[in-house]
Amino acid sequence: MNATSSLHQGSHQGSDRPSWLQPLRNWLDNLQIRDRQTAHFISRLIPAQCPFERDIIVLGRKVGHIPPLCKLNPLYEQFVGLRFRSLCYLADQCGEDISAYC
């Protein structure tokens, strides 16, 4: 087995996600929310729903559909988790009403 084939085999290890993104995934997963302004910023920055999903309507008739593309983002789960932790911080630690972000 040469170095190229062992590198190729080690890069996937049962996952279809790129392993070179793992350090960034770990950083996002371990990011702690400790500040009200940061929590508000993250909650505003990361949308509650995928903003790309749309129906294309022409003259009152649906002629096409753009599917949600967010799940194609290799960091989608980390961003959703970060937003959730931000909202939990605002609700649990700050006692704020987060219904504006839902």
PDB file of N, CA and C in Angstrom:
ATOM      1  N   MET A   1       0.854  -1.176   0.000  1.00  0.00           N
ATOM      2  CA  MET A   1       0.000   0.000   0.000  1.00  0.00           C
ATOM      3  C   MET A   1       0.894   1.231   0.000  1.00  0.00           C
ATOM      4  N   ASN A   2       0.639   2.147  -0.937  1.00  0.00           N
ATOM      5  CA  ASN A   2       1.464   3.343  -0.992  1.00  0.00           C
ATOM      6  C   ASN A   2       0.861   4.448  -0.125  1.00  0.00           C
ATOM      7  N   ALA A   3       1.601   5.548   0.026  1.00  0.00           N
ATOM      8  CA  ALA A   3       1.182   6.644   0.898  1.00  0.00           C
ATOM      9  C   ALA A   3      -0.097   7.299   0.404  1.00  0.00           C
ATOM     10  N   THR A   4      -0.270   7.380  -0.911  1.00  0.00           N
ATOM     11  CA  THR A   4      -1.464   8.019  -1.466  1.00  0.00           C
ATOM     12  C   THR A   4      -2.716   7.236  -1.135  1.00  0.00           C
ATOM     13  N   SER A   5      -2.663   5.907  -1.287  1.00  0.00           N
ATOM     14  CA  SER A   5      -3.862   5.115  -1.003  1.00  0.00           C
ATOM     15  C   SER A   5      -4.177   5.095   0.482  1.00  0.00           C
ATOM     16  N   SER A   6      -3.169   5.083   1.356  1.00  0.00           N
ATOM     17  CA  SER A   6      -3.451   5.099   2.791  1.00  0.00           C
ATOM     18  C   SER A   6      -3.994   6.456   3.211  1.00  0.00           C
ATOM     19  N   LEU A   7      -3.535   7.523   2.591  1.00  0.00           N
ATOM     20  CA  LEU A   7      -4.063   8.856   2.878  1.00  0.00           C
ATOM     21  C   LEU A   7      -5.509   8.949   2.442  1.00  0.00           C
ATOM     22  N   HIS A   8      -5.814   8.409   1.284  1.00  0.00           N
ATOM     23  CA  HIS A   8      -7.178   8.435   0.762  1.00  0.00           C
ATOM     24  C   HIS A   8      -8.115   7.641   1.673  1.00  0.00           C
ATOM     25  N   GLN A   9      -7.686   6.469   2.120  1.00  0.00           N
ATOM     26  CA  GLN A   9      -8.519   5.646   2.986  1.00  0.00           C
ATOM     27  C   GLN A   9      -8.724   6.305   4.335  1.00  0.00           C
ATOM     28  N   GLY A  10      -7.725   6.946   4.876  1.00  0.00           N
ATOM     29  CA  GLY A  10      -7.825   7.569   6.191  1.00  0.00           C
ATOM     30  C   GLY A  10      -8.647   8.838   6.196  1.00  0.00           C
ATOM     31  N   SER A  11      -8.864   9.419   5.023  1.00  0.00           N
ATOM     32  CA  SER A  11      -9.583  10.685   4.997  1.00  0.00           C
ATOM     33  C   SER A  11     -11.082  10.520   5.127  1.00  0.00           C
ATOM     34  N   HIS A  12     -11.611   9.326   4.895  1.00  0.00           N
ATOM     35  CA  HIS A  12     -13.061   9.165   4.938  1.00  0.00           C
ATOM     36  C   HIS A  12     -13.528   8.411   6.174  1.00  0.00           C
ATOM     37  N   GLN A  13     -12.902   7.368   6.567  1.00  0.00           N
ATOM     38  CA  GLN A  13     -13.188   6.597   7.759  1.00  0.00           C
ATOM     39  C   GLN A  13     -14.657   6.569   8.153  1.00  0.00           C
ATOM     40  N   GLY A  14     -15.512   6.090   7.251  1.00  0.00           N
ATOM     41  CA  GLY A  14     -16.913   5.887   7.567  1.00  0.00           C
ATOM     42  C   GLY A  14     -17.774   7.135   7.482  1.00  0.00           C
ATOM     43  N   SER A  15     -17.229   8.235   7.037  1.00  0.00           N
ATOM     44  CA  SER A  15     -17.991   9.470   6.961  1.00  0.00           C
ATOM     45  C   SER A  15     -17.821  10.082   5.588  1.00  0.00           C
ATOM     46  N   ASP A  16     -18.875  10.703   5.090  1.00  0.00           N
ATOM     47  CA  ASP A  16     -18.777  11.365   3.803  1.00  0.00           C
ATOM     48  C   ASP A  16     -18.421  12.842   3.958  1.00  0.00           C
ATOM     49  N   ARG A  17     -18.186  13.291   5.183  1.00  0.00           N
ATOM     50  CA  ARG A  17     -17.819  14.677   5.425  1.00  0.00           C
ATOM     51  C   ARG A  17     -16.305  14.832   5.334  1.00  0.00           C
ATOM     52  N   PRO A  18     -15.844  15.946   4.769  1.00  0.00           N
ATOM     53  CA  PRO A  18     -14.396  16.153   4.655  1.00  0.00           C
ATOM     54  C   PRO A  18     -13.723  16.233   6.016  1.00  0.00           C
ATOM     55  N   SER A  19     -12.668  15.448   6.215  1.00  0.00           N
ATOM     56  CA  SER A  19     -11.992  15.420   7.504  1.00  0.00           C
ATOM     57  C   SER A  19     -11.181  16.689   7.761  1.00  0.00           C
ATOM     58  N   TRP A  20     -10.817  17.416   6.729  1.00  0.00           N
ATOM     59  CA  TRP A  20     -10.044  18.636   6.933  1.00  0.00           C
ATOM     60  C   TRP A  20     -10.863  19.722   7.617  1.00  0.00           C
ATOM     61  N   LEU A  21     -12.184  19.555   7.667  1.00  0.00           N
ATOM     62  CA  LEU A  21     -13.042  20.511   8.373  1.00  0.00           C
ATOM     63  C   LEU A  21     -13.245  20.150   9.841  1.00  0.00           C
ATOM     64  N   GLN A  22     -12.745  19.007  10.261  1.00  0.00           N
ATOM     65  CA  GLN A  22     -12.984  18.537  11.627  1.00  0.00           C
ATOM     66  C   GLN A  22     -12.505  19.514  12.693  1.00  0.00           C
ATOM     67  N   PRO A  23     -11.337  20.136  12.565  1.00  0.00           N
ATOM     68  CA  PRO A  23     -10.934  21.110  13.594  1.00  0.00           C
ATOM     69  C   PRO A  23     -11.924  22.275  13.714  1.00  0.00           C
ATOM     70  N   LEU A  24     -12.450  22.750  12.602  1.00  0.00           N
ATOM     71  CA  LEU A  24     -13.427  23.833  12.637  1.00  0.00           C
ATOM     72  C   LEU A  24     -14.741  23.356  13.256  1.00  0.00           C
ATOM     73  N   ARG A  25     -15.156  22.132  12.907  1.00  0.00           N
ATOM     74  CA  ARG A  25     -16.359  21.554  13.519  1.00  0.00           C
ATOM     75  C   ARG A  25     -16.205  21.465  15.033  1.00  0.00           C
ATOM     76  N   ASN A  26     -15.061  20.962  15.474  1.00  0.00           N
ATOM     77  CA  ASN A  26     -14.808  20.834  16.912  1.00  0.00           C
ATOM     78  C   ASN A  26     -14.828  22.198  17.596  1.00  0.00           C
ATOM     79  N   TRP A  27     -14.223  23.201  16.974  1.00  0.00           N
ATOM     80  CA  TRP A  27     -14.186  24.544  17.547  1.00  0.00           C
ATOM     81  C   TRP A  27     -15.603  25.099  17.676  1.00  0.00           C
ATOM     82  N   LEU A  28     -16.416  24.961  16.616  1.00  0.00           N
ATOM     83  CA  LEU A  28     -17.789  25.453  16.671  1.00  0.00           C
ATOM     84  C   LEU A  28     -18.619  24.692  17.705  1.00  0.00           C
ATOM     85  N   ASP A  29     -18.427  23.380  17.800  1.00  0.00           N
ATOM     86  CA  ASP A  29     -19.164  22.571  18.765  1.00  0.00           C
ATOM     87  C   ASP A  29     -18.808  22.919  20.205  1.00  0.00           C
ATOM     88  N   ASN A  30     -17.576  23.338  20.429  1.00  0.00           N
ATOM     89  CA  ASN A  30     -17.116  23.632  21.791  1.00  0.00           C
ATOM     90  C   ASN A  30     -17.176  25.113  22.146  1.00  0.00           C
ATOM     91  N   LEU A  31     -17.625  25.947  21.236  1.00  0.00           N
ATOM     92  CA  LEU A  31     -17.718  27.382  21.488  1.00  0.00           C
ATOM     93  C   LEU A  31     -18.776  27.651  22.558  1.00  0.00           C
ATOM     94  N   GLN A  32     -18.367  28.305  23.624  1.00  0.00           N
ATOM     95  CA  GLN A  32     -19.267  28.604  24.728  1.00  0.00           C
ATOM     96  C   GLN A  32     -19.839  30.008  24.566  1.00  0.00           C
ATOM     97  N   ILE A  33     -21.120  30.137  24.826  1.00  0.00           N
ATOM     98  CA  ILE A  33     -21.781  31.444  24.776  1.00  0.00           C
ATOM     99  C   ILE A  33     -21.803  31.981  26.193  1.00  0.00           C
ATOM    100  N   ARG A  34     -21.125  33.113  26.413  1.00  0.00           N
ATOM    101  CA  ARG A  34     -21.011  33.677  27.760  1.00  0.00           C
ATOM    102  C   ARG A  34     -21.348  35.157  27.803  1.00  0.00           C
ATOM    103  N   ASP A  35     -21.900  35.658  26.733  1.00  0.00           N
ATOM    104  CA  ASP A  35     -22.123  37.098  26.626  1.00  0.00           C
ATOM    105  C   ASP A  35     -23.444  37.341  25.905  1.00  0.00           C
ATOM    106  N   ARG A  36     -24.257  38.217  26.464  1.00  0.00           N
ATOM    107  CA  ARG A  36     -25.578  38.502  25.909  1.00  0.00           C
ATOM    108  C   ARG A  36     -25.494  39.073  24.492  1.00  0.00           C
ATOM    109  N   GLN A  37     -24.577  39.991  24.246  1.00  0.00           N
ATOM    110  CA  GLN A  37     -24.449  40.596  22.912  1.00  0.00           C
ATOM    111  C   GLN A  37     -24.041  39.561  21.869  1.00  0.00           C
ATOM    112  N   THR A  38     -23.126  38.689  22.223  1.00  0.00           N
ATOM    113  CA  THR A  38     -22.695  37.636  21.307  1.00  0.00           C
ATOM    114  C   THR A  38     -23.858  36.697  20.998  1.00  0.00           C
ATOM    115  N   ALA A  39     -24.615  36.333  22.019  1.00  0.00           N
ATOM    116  CA  ALA A  39     -25.774  35.446  21.830  1.00  0.00           C
ATOM    117  C   ALA A  39     -26.805  36.087  20.903  1.00  0.00           C
ATOM    118  N   HIS A  40     -27.063  37.372  21.094  1.00  0.00           N
ATOM    119  CA  HIS A  40     -28.003  38.072  20.203  1.00  0.00           C
ATOM    120  C   HIS A  40     -27.469  38.114  18.776  1.00  0.00           C
ATOM    121  N   PHE A  41     -26.182  38.395  18.625  1.00  0.00           N
ATOM    122  CA  PHE A  41     -25.567  38.466  17.301  1.00  0.00           C
ATOM    123  C   PHE A  41     -25.682  37.131  16.574  1.00  0.00           C
ATOM    124  N   ILE A  42     -25.329  36.042  17.247  1.00  0.00           N
ATOM    125  CA  ILE A  42     -25.397  34.710  16.635  1.00  0.00           C
ATOM    126  C   ILE A  42     -26.831  34.346  16.291  1.00  0.00           C
ATOM    127  N   SER A  43     -27.768  34.663  17.177  1.00  0.00           N
ATOM    128  CA  SER A  43     -29.175  34.333  16.946  1.00  0.00           C
ATOM    129  C   SER A  43     -29.746  35.091  15.753  1.00  0.00           C
ATOM    130  N   ARG A  44     -29.259  36.308  15.531  1.00  0.00           N
ATOM    131  CA  ARG A  44     -29.696  37.083  14.358  1.00  0.00           C
ATOM    132  C   ARG A  44     -28.985  36.624  13.094  1.00  0.00           C
ATOM    133  N   LEU A  45     -27.719  36.271  13.216  1.00  0.00           N
ATOM    134  CA  LEU A  45     -26.899  35.914  12.063  1.00  0.00           C
ATOM    135  C   LEU A  45     -27.297  34.581  11.444  1.00  0.00           C
ATOM    136  N   ILE A  46     -27.572  33.578  12.276  1.00  0.00           N
ATOM    137  CA  ILE A  46     -27.905  32.244  11.779  1.00  0.00           C
ATOM    138  C   ILE A  46     -29.424  32.132  11.719  1.00  0.00           C
ATOM    139  N   PRO A  47     -29.996  31.958  10.533  1.00  0.00           N
ATOM    140  CA  PRO A  47     -31.454  31.929  10.396  1.00  0.00           C
ATOM    141  C   PRO A  47     -32.078  30.668  11.004  1.00  0.00           C
ATOM    142  N   ALA A  48     -33.348  30.790  11.398  1.00  0.00           N
ATOM    143  CA  ALA A  48     -34.086  29.661  11.972  1.00  0.00           C
ATOM    144  C   ALA A  48     -34.437  28.637  10.897  1.00  0.00           C
ATOM    145  N   GLN A  49     -34.609  29.087   9.679  1.00  0.00           N
ATOM    146  CA  GLN A  49     -34.946  28.215   8.555  1.00  0.00           C
ATOM    147  C   GLN A  49     -33.957  28.476   7.435  1.00  0.00           C
ATOM    148  N   CYS A  50     -33.858  27.519   6.545  1.00  0.00           N
ATOM    149  CA  CYS A  50     -32.983  27.696   5.399  1.00  0.00           C
ATOM    150  C   CYS A  50     -33.527  28.836   4.534  1.00  0.00           C
ATOM    151  N   PRO A  51     -32.748  29.876   4.311  1.00  0.00           N
ATOM    152  CA  PRO A  51     -33.260  31.020   3.556  1.00  0.00           C
ATOM    153  C   PRO A  51     -33.319  30.812   2.053  1.00  0.00           C
ATOM    154  N   PHE A  52     -32.829  29.693   1.559  1.00  0.00           N
ATOM    155  CA  PHE A  52     -32.754  29.500   0.118  1.00  0.00           C
ATOM    156  C   PHE A  52     -33.934  28.741  -0.464  1.00  0.00           C
ATOM    157  N   GLU A  53     -34.689  28.038   0.367  1.00  0.00           N
ATOM    158  CA  GLU A  53     -35.813  27.260  -0.150  1.00  0.00           C
ATOM    159  C   GLU A  53     -36.907  28.219  -0.617  1.00  0.00           C
ATOM    160  N   ARG A  54     -37.314  28.074  -1.861  1.00  0.00           N
ATOM    161  CA  ARG A  54     -38.313  28.972  -2.444  1.00  0.00           C
ATOM    162  C   ARG A  54     -39.158  28.230  -3.466  1.00  0.00           C
ATOM    163  N   ASP A  55     -40.399  28.656  -3.590  1.00  0.00           N
ATOM    164  CA  ASP A  55     -41.244  28.248  -4.709  1.00  0.00           C
ATOM    165  C   ASP A  55     -41.163  29.362  -5.740  1.00  0.00           C
ATOM    166  N   ILE A  56     -41.035  28.992  -6.996  1.00  0.00           N
ATOM    167  CA  ILE A  56     -40.994  29.982  -8.075  1.00  0.00           C
ATOM    168  C   ILE A  56     -42.401  30.056  -8.646  1.00  0.00           C
ATOM    169  N   ILE A  57     -43.008  31.228  -8.500  1.00  0.00           N
ATOM    170  CA  ILE A  57     -44.397  31.423  -8.928  1.00  0.00           C
ATOM    171  C   ILE A  57     -44.433  32.477 -10.021  1.00  0.00           C
ATOM    172  N   VAL A  58     -45.046  32.118 -11.141  1.00  0.00           N
ATOM    173  CA  VAL A  58     -45.206  33.029 -12.269  1.00  0.00           C
ATOM    174  C   VAL A  58     -46.694  33.077 -12.621  1.00  0.00           C
ATOM    175  N   LEU A  59     -47.228  34.267 -12.628  1.00  0.00           N
ATOM    176  CA  LEU A  59     -48.646  34.480 -12.937  1.00  0.00           C
ATOM    177  C   LEU A  59     -49.558  33.641 -12.034  1.00  0.00           C
ATOM    178  N   GLY A  60     -49.183  33.570 -10.761  1.00  0.00           N
ATOM    179  CA  GLY A  60     -50.005  32.855  -9.800  1.00  0.00           C
ATOM    180  C   GLY A  60     -49.865  31.337  -9.824  1.00  0.00           C
ATOM    181  N   ARG A  61     -48.987  30.798 -10.644  1.00  0.00           N
ATOM    182  CA  ARG A  61     -48.801  29.347 -10.730  1.00  0.00           C
ATOM    183  C   ARG A  61     -47.380  28.971 -10.323  1.00  0.00           C
ATOM    184  N   LYS A  62     -47.278  27.905  -9.592  1.00  0.00           N
ATOM    185  CA  LYS A  62     -45.972  27.407  -9.180  1.00  0.00           C
ATOM    186  C   LYS A  62     -45.324  26.706 -10.379  1.00  0.00           C
ATOM    187  N   VAL A  63     -44.176  27.248 -10.815  1.00  0.00           N
ATOM    188  CA  VAL A  63     -43.489  26.680 -11.977  1.00  0.00           C
ATOM    189  C   VAL A  63     -42.204  25.962 -11.594  1.00  0.00           C
ATOM    190  N   GLY A  64     -41.790  26.107 -10.347  1.00  0.00           N
ATOM    191  CA  GLY A  64     -40.564  25.438  -9.919  1.00  0.00           C
ATOM    192  C   GLY A  64     -40.359  25.565  -8.436  1.00  0.00           C
ATOM    193  N   HIS A  65     -39.366  24.858  -7.968  1.00  0.00           N
ATOM    194  CA  HIS A  65     -39.054  24.855  -6.543  1.00  0.00           C
ATOM    195  C   HIS A  65     -37.543  24.788  -6.371  1.00  0.00           C
ATOM    196  N   ILE A  66     -37.002  25.660  -5.546  1.00  0.00           N
ATOM    197  CA  ILE A  66     -35.589  25.614  -5.192  1.00  0.00           C
ATOM    198  C   ILE A  66     -35.518  24.895  -3.845  1.00  0.00           C
ATOM    199  N   PRO A  67     -34.876  23.740  -3.795  1.00  0.00           N
ATOM    200  CA  PRO A  67     -34.838  22.973  -2.544  1.00  0.00           C
ATOM    201  C   PRO A  67     -33.948  23.649  -1.500  1.00  0.00           C
ATOM    202  N   PRO A  68     -34.107  23.267  -0.232  1.00  0.00           N
ATOM    203  CA  PRO A  68     -33.230  23.840   0.800  1.00  0.00           C
ATOM    204  C   PRO A  68     -31.797  23.370   0.571  1.00  0.00           C
ATOM    205  N   LEU A  69     -30.909  24.318   0.465  1.00  0.00           N
ATOM    206  CA  LEU A  69     -29.517  24.005   0.178  1.00  0.00           C
ATOM    207  C   LEU A  69     -28.656  24.006   1.437  1.00  0.00           C
ATOM    208  N   CYS A  70     -29.231  24.356   2.569  1.00  0.00           N
ATOM    209  CA  CYS A  70     -28.447  24.465   3.793  1.00  0.00           C
ATOM    210  C   CYS A  70     -27.798  23.150   4.189  1.00  0.00           C
ATOM    211  N   LYS A  71     -28.470  22.047   3.960  1.00  0.00           N
ATOM    212  CA  LYS A  71     -27.911  20.761   4.377  1.00  0.00           C
ATOM    213  C   LYS A  71     -26.716  20.358   3.516  1.00  0.00           C
ATOM    214  N   LEU A  72     -26.474  21.067   2.427  1.00  0.00           N
ATOM    215  CA  LEU A  72     -25.269  20.837   1.636  1.00  0.00           C
ATOM    216  C   LEU A  72     -24.046  21.480   2.288  1.00  0.00           C
ATOM    217  N   ASN A  73     -24.281  22.405   3.210  1.00  0.00           N
ATOM    218  CA  ASN A  73     -23.209  23.062   3.935  1.00  0.00           C
ATOM    219  C   ASN A  73     -22.576  22.053   4.890  1.00  0.00           C
ATOM    220  N   PRO A  74     -21.277  21.801   4.773  1.00  0.00           N
ATOM    221  CA  PRO A  74     -20.648  20.796   5.632  1.00  0.00           C
ATOM    222  C   PRO A  74     -20.613  21.188   7.108  1.00  0.00           C
ATOM    223  N   LEU A  75     -20.902  22.444   7.425  1.00  0.00           N
ATOM    224  CA  LEU A  75     -20.918  22.911   8.814  1.00  0.00           C
ATOM    225  C   LEU A  75     -22.335  23.206   9.305  1.00  0.00           C
ATOM    226  N   TYR A  76     -23.334  22.742   8.574  1.00  0.00           N
ATOM    227  CA  TYR A  76     -24.738  23.017   8.895  1.00  0.00           C
ATOM    228  C   TYR A  76     -25.097  22.631  10.330  1.00  0.00           C
ATOM    229  N   GLU A  77     -24.755  21.420  10.732  1.00  0.00           N
ATOM    230  CA  GLU A  77     -25.108  20.947  12.076  1.00  0.00           C
ATOM    231  C   GLU A  77     -24.432  21.784  13.160  1.00  0.00           C
ATOM    232  N   GLN A  78     -23.216  22.214  12.925  1.00  0.00           N
ATOM    233  CA  GLN A  78     -22.511  23.023  13.911  1.00  0.00           C
ATOM    234  C   GLN A  78     -23.150  24.398  14.049  1.00  0.00           C
ATOM    235  N   PHE A  79     -23.558  25.003  12.924  1.00  0.00           N
ATOM    236  CA  PHE A  79     -24.207  26.310  12.991  1.00  0.00           C
ATOM    237  C   PHE A  79     -25.555  26.233  13.682  1.00  0.00           C
ATOM    238  N   VAL A  80     -26.324  25.198  13.397  1.00  0.00           N
ATOM    239  CA  VAL A  80     -27.624  25.025  14.046  1.00  0.00           C
ATOM    240  C   VAL A  80     -27.423  24.827  15.551  1.00  0.00           C
ATOM    241  N   GLY A  81     -26.431  24.041  15.928  1.00  0.00           N
ATOM    242  CA  GLY A  81     -26.134  23.832  17.346  1.00  0.00           C
ATOM    243  C   GLY A  81     -25.690  25.107  18.036  1.00  0.00           C
ATOM    244  N   LEU A  82     -24.882  25.907  17.350  1.00  0.00           N
ATOM    245  CA  LEU A  82     -24.423  27.179  17.913  1.00  0.00           C
ATOM    246  C   LEU A  82     -25.595  28.126  18.122  1.00  0.00           C
ATOM    247  N   ARG A  83     -26.500  28.190  17.170  1.00  0.00           N
ATOM    248  CA  ARG A  83     -27.687  29.038  17.308  1.00  0.00           C
ATOM    249  C   ARG A  83     -28.546  28.570  18.475  1.00  0.00           C
ATOM    250  N   PHE A  84     -28.711  27.255  18.597  1.00  0.00           N
ATOM    251  CA  PHE A  84     -29.492  26.694  19.692  1.00  0.00           C
ATOM    252  C   PHE A  84     -28.875  27.052  21.041  1.00  0.00           C
ATOM    253  N   ARG A  85     -27.549  26.929  21.158  1.00  0.00           N
ATOM    254  CA  ARG A  85     -26.884  27.280  22.417  1.00  0.00           C
ATOM    255  C   ARG A  85     -27.023  28.758  22.721  1.00  0.00           C
ATOM    256  N   SER A  86     -27.004  29.592  21.701  1.00  0.00           N
ATOM    257  CA  SER A  86     -27.192  31.035  21.905  1.00  0.00           C
ATOM    258  C   SER A  86     -28.590  31.336  22.429  1.00  0.00           C
ATOM    259  N   LEU A  87     -29.587  30.708  21.812  1.00  0.00           N
ATOM    260  CA  LEU A  87     -30.962  30.919  22.257  1.00  0.00           C
ATOM    261  C   LEU A  87     -31.173  30.383  23.672  1.00  0.00           C
ATOM    262  N   CYS A  88     -30.582  29.249  23.975  1.00  0.00           N
ATOM    263  CA  CYS A  88     -30.689  28.696  25.336  1.00  0.00           C
ATOM    264  C   CYS A  88     -30.040  29.626  26.354  1.00  0.00           C
ATOM    265  N   TYR A  89     -28.906  30.207  26.008  1.00  0.00           N
ATOM    266  CA  TYR A  89     -28.235  31.152  26.908  1.00  0.00           C
ATOM    267  C   TYR A  89     -29.142  32.340  27.180  1.00  0.00           C
ATOM    268  N   LEU A  90     -29.726  32.900  26.117  1.00  0.00           N
ATOM    269  CA  LEU A  90     -30.600  34.056  26.290  1.00  0.00           C
ATOM    270  C   LEU A  90     -31.809  33.727  27.154  1.00  0.00           C
ATOM    271  N   ALA A  91     -32.392  32.552  26.936  1.00  0.00           N
ATOM    272  CA  ALA A  91     -33.591  32.173  27.682  1.00  0.00           C
ATOM    273  C   ALA A  91     -33.265  31.753  29.115  1.00  0.00           C
ATOM    274  N   ASP A  92     -32.274  30.901  29.280  1.00  0.00           N
ATOM    275  CA  ASP A  92     -31.985  30.325  30.593  1.00  0.00           C
ATOM    276  C   ASP A  92     -31.149  31.233  31.486  1.00  0.00           C
ATOM    277  N   GLN A  93     -30.090  31.799  30.946  1.00  0.00           N
ATOM    278  CA  GLN A  93     -29.179  32.601  31.757  1.00  0.00           C
ATOM    279  C   GLN A  93     -29.617  34.059  31.886  1.00  0.00           C
ATOM    280  N   CYS A  94     -30.171  34.608  30.790  1.00  0.00           N
ATOM    281  CA  CYS A  94     -30.543  36.021  30.780  1.00  0.00           C
ATOM    282  C   CYS A  94     -32.030  36.235  31.059  1.00  0.00           C
ATOM    283  N   GLY A  95     -32.819  35.177  30.979  1.00  0.00           N
ATOM    284  CA  GLY A  95     -34.252  35.290  31.227  1.00  0.00           C
ATOM    285  C   GLY A  95     -34.994  36.075  30.169  1.00  0.00           C
ATOM    286  N   GLU A  96     -34.481  36.095  28.957  1.00  0.00           N
ATOM    287  CA  GLU A  96     -35.096  36.876  27.883  1.00  0.00           C
ATOM    288  C   GLU A  96     -36.120  36.054  27.112  1.00  0.00           C
ATOM    289  N   ASP A  97     -37.066  36.752  26.508  1.00  0.00           N
ATOM    290  CA  ASP A  97     -38.038  36.132  25.609  1.00  0.00           C
ATOM    291  C   ASP A  97     -37.378  35.985  24.242  1.00  0.00           C
ATOM    292  N   ILE A  98     -37.269  34.755  23.765  1.00  0.00           N
ATOM    293  CA  ILE A  98     -36.586  34.503  22.496  1.00  0.00           C
ATOM    294  C   ILE A  98     -37.572  34.259  21.348  1.00  0.00           C
ATOM    295  N   SER A  99     -38.836  34.530  21.567  1.00  0.00           N
ATOM    296  CA  SER A  99     -39.833  34.258  20.521  1.00  0.00           C
ATOM    297  C   SER A  99     -39.588  35.082  19.265  1.00  0.00           C
ATOM    298  N   ALA A 100     -38.907  36.197  19.364  1.00  0.00           N
ATOM    299  CA  ALA A 100     -38.593  37.010  18.180  1.00  0.00           C
ATOM    300  C   ALA A 100     -37.625  36.291  17.241  1.00  0.00           C
ATOM    301  N   TYR A 101     -36.863  35.324  17.761  1.00  0.00           N
ATOM    302  CA  TYR A 101     -35.882  34.607  16.956  1.00  0.00           C
ATOM    303  C   TYR A 101     -36.422  33.301  16.369  1.00  0.00           C
ATOM    304  N   CYS A 102     -37.639  32.955  16.707  1.00  0.00           N
ATOM    305  CA  CYS A 102     -38.192  31.674  16.250  1.00  0.00           C
ATOM    306  C   CYS A 102     -39.019  31.815  14.997  1.00  0.00           C
TER     307      CYS A 102
END
